[in-house]
Amino acid sequence: MAKGKDARVPVILECSNCLRNELNLNKESRGISRYITQKNRHNTPSRLELRKFCPYCSKHTIHGEIKK
């Protein structure tokens, strides 16, 4: 059985709040929070956005899917 067309693909979620702080060159942010998860390509063709905890912001923020 071939595994070329799997429905589940790995995705990387990145904190959108930390990204904005880094673009503004704010010294408060020490890094960018990233999570690795999986999504079903057939059920969710659009980009995934989840509310996850960011240790750099010390609060729950929106984490959006990025390209690898």
PDB file of N, CA and C in Angstrom:
ATOM      1  N   MET A   1       0.829  -1.172   0.000  1.00  0.00           N
ATOM      2  CA  MET A   1       0.000   0.000   0.000  1.00  0.00           C
ATOM      3  C   MET A   1       0.885   1.251   0.000  1.00  0.00           C
ATOM      4  N   ALA A   2       0.617   2.167  -0.890  1.00  0.00           N
ATOM      5  CA  ALA A   2       1.437   3.366  -1.019  1.00  0.00           C
ATOM      6  C   ALA A   2       1.052   4.408   0.024  1.00  0.00           C
ATOM      7  N   LYS A   3       2.041   5.214   0.451  1.00  0.00           N
ATOM      8  CA  LYS A   3       1.795   6.251   1.439  1.00  0.00           C
ATOM      9  C   LYS A   3       1.983   7.643   0.854  1.00  0.00           C
ATOM     10  N   GLY A   4       1.868   7.801  -0.429  1.00  0.00           N
ATOM     11  CA  GLY A   4       2.129   9.082  -1.075  1.00  0.00           C
ATOM     12  C   GLY A   4       1.056  10.131  -0.887  1.00  0.00           C
ATOM     13  N   LYS A   5      -0.212   9.729  -0.732  1.00  0.00           N
ATOM     14  CA  LYS A   5      -1.321  10.689  -0.672  1.00  0.00           C
ATOM     15  C   LYS A   5      -2.021  10.625   0.677  1.00  0.00           C
ATOM     16  N   ASP A   6      -1.262  10.725   1.760  1.00  0.00           N
ATOM     17  CA  ASP A   6      -1.870  10.695   3.090  1.00  0.00           C
ATOM     18  C   ASP A   6      -2.740  11.913   3.311  1.00  0.00           C
ATOM     19  N   ALA A   7      -3.803  11.727   4.058  1.00  0.00           N
ATOM     20  CA  ALA A   7      -4.705  12.835   4.348  1.00  0.00           C
ATOM     21  C   ALA A   7      -4.138  13.731   5.444  1.00  0.00           C
ATOM     22  N   ARG A   8      -3.406  13.147   6.397  1.00  0.00           N
ATOM     23  CA  ARG A   8      -2.871  13.923   7.507  1.00  0.00           C
ATOM     24  C   ARG A   8      -1.467  14.417   7.176  1.00  0.00           C
ATOM     25  N   VAL A   9      -1.267  15.726   7.328  1.00  0.00           N
ATOM     26  CA  VAL A   9       0.034  16.328   7.037  1.00  0.00           C
ATOM     27  C   VAL A   9       0.492  17.118   8.267  1.00  0.00           C
ATOM     28  N   PRO A  10       1.802  17.136   8.551  1.00  0.00           N
ATOM     29  CA  PRO A  10       2.298  17.932   9.678  1.00  0.00           C
ATOM     30  C   PRO A  10       2.284  19.423   9.339  1.00  0.00           C
ATOM     31  N   VAL A  11       1.931  20.257  10.317  1.00  0.00           N
ATOM     32  CA  VAL A  11       1.915  21.704  10.145  1.00  0.00           C
ATOM     33  C   VAL A  11       2.622  22.355  11.331  1.00  0.00           C
ATOM     34  N   ILE A  12       3.156  23.550  11.106  1.00  0.00           N
ATOM     35  CA  ILE A  12       3.814  24.320  12.158  1.00  0.00           C
ATOM     36  C   ILE A  12       2.954  25.535  12.456  1.00  0.00           C
ATOM     37  N   LEU A  13       2.636  25.736  13.739  1.00  0.00           N
ATOM     38  CA  LEU A  13       1.851  26.884  14.182  1.00  0.00           C
ATOM     39  C   LEU A  13       2.780  27.872  14.868  1.00  0.00           C
ATOM     40  N   GLU A  14       2.682  29.147  14.495  1.00  0.00           N
ATOM     41  CA  GLU A  14       3.563  30.185  15.028  1.00  0.00           C
ATOM     42  C   GLU A  14       2.731  31.297  15.656  1.00  0.00           C
ATOM     43  N   CYS A  15       3.192  31.815  16.780  1.00  0.00           N
ATOM     44  CA  CYS A  15       2.481  32.872  17.506  1.00  0.00           C
ATOM     45  C   CYS A  15       2.439  34.148  16.666  1.00  0.00           C
ATOM     46  N   SER A  16       1.246  34.673  16.462  1.00  0.00           N
ATOM     47  CA  SER A  16       1.111  35.895  15.663  1.00  0.00           C
ATOM     48  C   SER A  16       1.483  37.133  16.477  1.00  0.00           C
ATOM     49  N   ASN A  17       1.321  37.088  17.792  1.00  0.00           N
ATOM     50  CA  ASN A  17       1.663  38.222  18.645  1.00  0.00           C
ATOM     51  C   ASN A  17       3.185  38.399  18.739  1.00  0.00           C
ATOM     52  N   CYS A  18       3.924  37.324  18.893  1.00  0.00           N
ATOM     53  CA  CYS A  18       5.392  37.400  18.962  1.00  0.00           C
ATOM     54  C   CYS A  18       5.970  37.889  17.640  1.00  0.00           C
ATOM     55  N   LEU A  19       5.339  37.482  16.538  1.00  0.00           N
ATOM     56  CA  LEU A  19       5.810  37.887  15.217  1.00  0.00           C
ATOM     57  C   LEU A  19       5.706  39.400  15.066  1.00  0.00           C
ATOM     58  N   ARG A  20       4.602  39.990  15.539  1.00  0.00           N
ATOM     59  CA  ARG A  20       4.438  41.445  15.464  1.00  0.00           C
ATOM     60  C   ARG A  20       5.463  42.160  16.339  1.00  0.00           C
ATOM     61  N   ASN A  21       5.743  41.600  17.526  1.00  0.00           N
ATOM     62  CA  ASN A  21       6.735  42.221  18.412  1.00  0.00           C
ATOM     63  C   ASN A  21       8.127  42.169  17.800  1.00  0.00           C
ATOM     64  N   GLU A  22       8.436  41.080  17.107  1.00  0.00           N
ATOM     65  CA  GLU A  22       9.759  40.965  16.490  1.00  0.00           C
ATOM     66  C   GLU A  22       9.910  41.952  15.335  1.00  0.00           C
ATOM     67  N   LEU A  23       8.834  42.175  14.589  1.00  0.00           N
ATOM     68  CA  LEU A  23       8.897  43.130  13.484  1.00  0.00           C
ATOM     69  C   LEU A  23       9.090  44.556  13.994  1.00  0.00           C
ATOM     70  N   ASN A  24       8.555  44.853  15.173  1.00  0.00           N
ATOM     71  CA  ASN A  24       8.722  46.182  15.773  1.00  0.00           C
ATOM     72  C   ASN A  24      10.035  46.305  16.529  1.00  0.00           C
ATOM     73  N   LEU A  25      10.821  45.222  16.559  1.00  0.00           N
ATOM     74  CA  LEU A  25      12.104  45.185  17.259  1.00  0.00           C
ATOM     75  C   LEU A  25      11.947  45.500  18.735  1.00  0.00           C
ATOM     76  N   ASN A  26      10.894  44.939  19.331  1.00  0.00           N
ATOM     77  CA  ASN A  26      10.644  45.106  20.752  1.00  0.00           C
ATOM     78  C   ASN A  26      11.564  44.163  21.523  1.00  0.00           C
ATOM     79  N   LYS A  27      12.259  44.657  22.515  1.00  0.00           N
ATOM     80  CA  LYS A  27      13.221  43.848  23.263  1.00  0.00           C
ATOM     81  C   LYS A  27      12.553  42.958  24.305  1.00  0.00           C
ATOM     82  N   GLU A  28      11.250  43.132  24.552  1.00  0.00           N
ATOM     83  CA  GLU A  28      10.566  42.319  25.543  1.00  0.00           C
ATOM     84  C   GLU A  28      10.455  40.868  25.099  1.00  0.00           C
ATOM     85  N   SER A  29      10.235  40.634  23.825  1.00  0.00           N
ATOM     86  CA  SER A  29      10.065  39.283  23.313  1.00  0.00           C
ATOM     87  C   SER A  29      11.426  38.604  23.162  1.00  0.00           C
ATOM     88  N   ARG A  30      11.547  37.397  23.731  1.00  0.00           N
ATOM     89  CA  ARG A  30      12.809  36.667  23.645  1.00  0.00           C
ATOM     90  C   ARG A  30      12.851  35.717  22.472  1.00  0.00           C
ATOM     91  N   GLY A  31      11.708  35.431  21.875  1.00  0.00           N
ATOM     92  CA  GLY A  31      11.669  34.482  20.773  1.00  0.00           C
ATOM     93  C   GLY A  31      10.277  34.370  20.200  1.00  0.00           C
ATOM     94  N   ILE A  32      10.070  33.360  19.380  1.00  0.00           N
ATOM     95  CA  ILE A  32       8.777  33.121  18.751  1.00  0.00           C
ATOM     96  C   ILE A  32       8.320  31.725  19.149  1.00  0.00           C
ATOM     97  N   SER A  33       7.111  31.634  19.679  1.00  0.00           N
ATOM     98  CA  SER A  33       6.545  30.362  20.094  1.00  0.00           C
ATOM     99  C   SER A  33       6.069  29.591  18.871  1.00  0.00           C
ATOM    100  N   ARG A  34       6.434  28.299  18.788  1.00  0.00           N
ATOM    101  CA  ARG A  34       6.011  27.446  17.681  1.00  0.00           C
ATOM    102  C   ARG A  34       5.536  26.105  18.214  1.00  0.00           C
ATOM    103  N   TYR A  35       4.484  25.592  17.607  1.00  0.00           N
ATOM    104  CA  TYR A  35       3.954  24.280  17.920  1.00  0.00           C
ATOM    105  C   TYR A  35       3.910  23.457  16.637  1.00  0.00           C
ATOM    106  N   ILE A  36       4.098  22.138  16.761  1.00  0.00           N
ATOM    107  CA  ILE A  36       3.983  21.226  15.624  1.00  0.00           C
ATOM    108  C   ILE A  36       2.784  20.328  15.877  1.00  0.00           C
ATOM    109  N   THR A  37       1.905  20.225  14.899  1.00  0.00           N
ATOM    110  CA  THR A  37       0.711  19.392  15.007  1.00  0.00           C
ATOM    111  C   THR A  37       0.390  18.811  13.639  1.00  0.00           C
ATOM    112  N   GLN A  38      -0.731  18.136  13.522  1.00  0.00           N
ATOM    113  CA  GLN A  38      -1.162  17.558  12.253  1.00  0.00           C
ATOM    114  C   GLN A  38      -2.561  18.048  11.926  1.00  0.00           C
ATOM    115  N   LYS A  39      -2.873  18.094  10.627  1.00  0.00           N
ATOM    116  CA  LYS A  39      -4.226  18.418  10.198  1.00  0.00           C
ATOM    117  C   LYS A  39      -4.599  17.515   9.042  1.00  0.00           C
ATOM    118  N   ASN A  40      -5.889  17.344   8.850  1.00  0.00           N
ATOM    119  CA  ASN A  40      -6.394  16.564   7.743  1.00  0.00           C
ATOM    120  C   ASN A  40      -6.514  17.482   6.533  1.00  0.00           C
ATOM    121  N   ARG A  41      -5.766  17.186   5.508  1.00  0.00           N
ATOM    122  CA  ARG A  41      -5.704  18.029   4.313  1.00  0.00           C
ATOM    123  C   ARG A  41      -7.053  18.131   3.608  1.00  0.00           C
ATOM    124  N   HIS A  42      -7.855  17.070   3.650  1.00  0.00           N
ATOM    125  CA  HIS A  42      -9.134  17.056   2.939  1.00  0.00           C
ATOM    126  C   HIS A  42     -10.218  17.825   3.694  1.00  0.00           C
ATOM    127  N   ASN A  43     -10.238  17.738   5.025  1.00  0.00           N
ATOM    128  CA  ASN A  43     -11.257  18.422   5.815  1.00  0.00           C
ATOM    129  C   ASN A  43     -10.937  19.884   6.058  1.00  0.00           C
ATOM    130  N   THR A  44      -9.646  20.242   6.116  1.00  0.00           N
ATOM    131  CA  THR A  44      -9.220  21.609   6.408  1.00  0.00           C
ATOM    132  C   THR A  44      -8.227  22.080   5.350  1.00  0.00           C
ATOM    133  N   PRO A  45      -8.698  22.481   4.164  1.00  0.00           N
ATOM    134  CA  PRO A  45      -7.757  22.916   3.123  1.00  0.00           C
ATOM    135  C   PRO A  45      -7.164  24.297   3.391  1.00  0.00           C
ATOM    136  N   SER A  46      -7.855  25.133   4.184  1.00  0.00           N
ATOM    137  CA  SER A  46      -7.340  26.477   4.470  1.00  0.00           C
ATOM    138  C   SER A  46      -6.312  26.412   5.604  1.00  0.00           C
ATOM    139  N   ARG A  47      -5.681  27.545   5.868  1.00  0.00           N
ATOM    140  CA  ARG A  47      -4.664  27.601   6.921  1.00  0.00           C
ATOM    141  C   ARG A  47      -5.310  27.476   8.296  1.00  0.00           C
ATOM    142  N   LEU A  48      -4.649  26.743   9.163  1.00  0.00           N
ATOM    143  CA  LEU A  48      -5.161  26.457  10.491  1.00  0.00           C
ATOM    144  C   LEU A  48      -4.762  27.571  11.457  1.00  0.00           C
ATOM    145  N   GLU A  49      -5.681  27.982  12.334  1.00  0.00           N
ATOM    146  CA  GLU A  49      -5.399  28.947  13.395  1.00  0.00           C
ATOM    147  C   GLU A  49      -5.975  28.413  14.690  1.00  0.00           C
ATOM    148  N   LEU A  50      -5.118  28.257  15.702  1.00  0.00           N
ATOM    149  CA  LEU A  50      -5.548  27.758  17.002  1.00  0.00           C
ATOM    150  C   LEU A  50      -5.089  28.704  18.097  1.00  0.00           C
ATOM    151  N   ARG A  51      -5.831  28.704  19.192  1.00  0.00           N
ATOM    152  CA  ARG A  51      -5.475  29.522  20.344  1.00  0.00           C
ATOM    153  C   ARG A  51      -4.637  28.655  21.279  1.00  0.00           C
ATOM    154  N   LYS A  52      -3.344  28.963  21.393  1.00  0.00           N
ATOM    155  CA  LYS A  52      -2.406  28.175  22.188  1.00  0.00           C
ATOM    156  C   LYS A  52      -1.683  29.091  23.171  1.00  0.00           C
ATOM    157  N   PHE A  53      -1.043  28.497  24.187  1.00  0.00           N
ATOM    158  CA  PHE A  53      -0.296  29.276  25.166  1.00  0.00           C
ATOM    159  C   PHE A  53       1.082  29.624  24.620  1.00  0.00           C
ATOM    160  N   CYS A  54       1.455  30.890  24.720  1.00  0.00           N
ATOM    161  CA  CYS A  54       2.781  31.352  24.294  1.00  0.00           C
ATOM    162  C   CYS A  54       3.601  31.658  25.546  1.00  0.00           C
ATOM    163  N   PRO A  55       4.704  30.930  25.771  1.00  0.00           N
ATOM    164  CA  PRO A  55       5.508  31.187  26.964  1.00  0.00           C
ATOM    165  C   PRO A  55       6.235  32.533  26.917  1.00  0.00           C
ATOM    166  N   TYR A  56       6.447  33.090  25.737  1.00  0.00           N
ATOM    167  CA  TYR A  56       7.137  34.371  25.624  1.00  0.00           C
ATOM    168  C   TYR A  56       6.204  35.535  25.923  1.00  0.00           C
ATOM    169  N   CYS A  57       4.934  35.412  25.539  1.00  0.00           N
ATOM    170  CA  CYS A  57       3.935  36.450  25.834  1.00  0.00           C
ATOM    171  C   CYS A  57       3.281  36.212  27.191  1.00  0.00           C
ATOM    172  N   SER A  58       3.409  35.016  27.731  1.00  0.00           N
ATOM    173  CA  SER A  58       2.795  34.594  28.995  1.00  0.00           C
ATOM    174  C   SER A  58       1.275  34.675  28.958  1.00  0.00           C
ATOM    175  N   LYS A  59       0.676  34.349  27.820  1.00  0.00           N
ATOM    176  CA  LYS A  59      -0.775  34.319  27.693  1.00  0.00           C
ATOM    177  C   LYS A  59      -1.161  33.479  26.487  1.00  0.00           C
ATOM    178  N   HIS A  60      -2.452  33.193  26.371  1.00  0.00           N
ATOM    179  CA  HIS A  60      -2.966  32.459  25.219  1.00  0.00           C
ATOM    180  C   HIS A  60      -3.125  33.423  24.054  1.00  0.00           C
ATOM    181  N   THR A  61      -2.555  33.054  22.900  1.00  0.00           N
ATOM    182  CA  THR A  61      -2.626  33.890  21.699  1.00  0.00           C
ATOM    183  C   THR A  61      -2.989  33.029  20.502  1.00  0.00           C
ATOM    184  N   ILE A  62      -3.279  33.682  19.393  1.00  0.00           N
ATOM    185  CA  ILE A  62      -3.593  32.984  18.150  1.00  0.00           C
ATOM    186  C   ILE A  62      -2.285  32.507  17.512  1.00  0.00           C
ATOM    187  N   HIS A  63      -2.211  31.227  17.234  1.00  0.00           N
ATOM    188  CA  HIS A  63      -1.075  30.632  16.533  1.00  0.00           C
ATOM    189  C   HIS A  63      -1.568  30.221  15.151  1.00  0.00           C
ATOM    190  N   GLY A  64      -0.939  30.750  14.106  1.00  0.00           N
ATOM    191  CA  GLY A  64      -1.342  30.470  12.733  1.00  0.00           C
ATOM    192  C   GLY A  64      -0.368  29.551  12.030  1.00  0.00           C
ATOM    193  N   GLU A  65      -0.866  28.859  11.031  1.00  0.00           N
ATOM    194  CA  GLU A  65      -0.053  27.911  10.271  1.00  0.00           C
ATOM    195  C   GLU A  65       0.922  28.676   9.376  1.00  0.00           C
ATOM    196  N   ILE A  66       2.169  28.186   9.301  1.00  0.00           N
ATOM    197  CA  ILE A  66       3.187  28.786   8.439  1.00  0.00           C
ATOM    198  C   ILE A  66       3.680  27.725   7.471  1.00  0.00           C
ATOM    199  N   LYS A  67       4.354  28.168   6.429  1.00  0.00           N
ATOM    200  CA  LYS A  67       4.970  27.229   5.484  1.00  0.00           C
ATOM    201  C   LYS A  67       6.231  26.674   6.092  1.00  0.00           C
ATOM    202  N   LYS A  68       6.596  25.466   5.663  1.00  0.00           N
ATOM    203  CA  LYS A  68       7.827  24.832   6.150  1.00  0.00           C
ATOM    204  C   LYS A  68       9.030  25.399   5.475  1.00  0.00           C
TER     205      LYS A  68
END
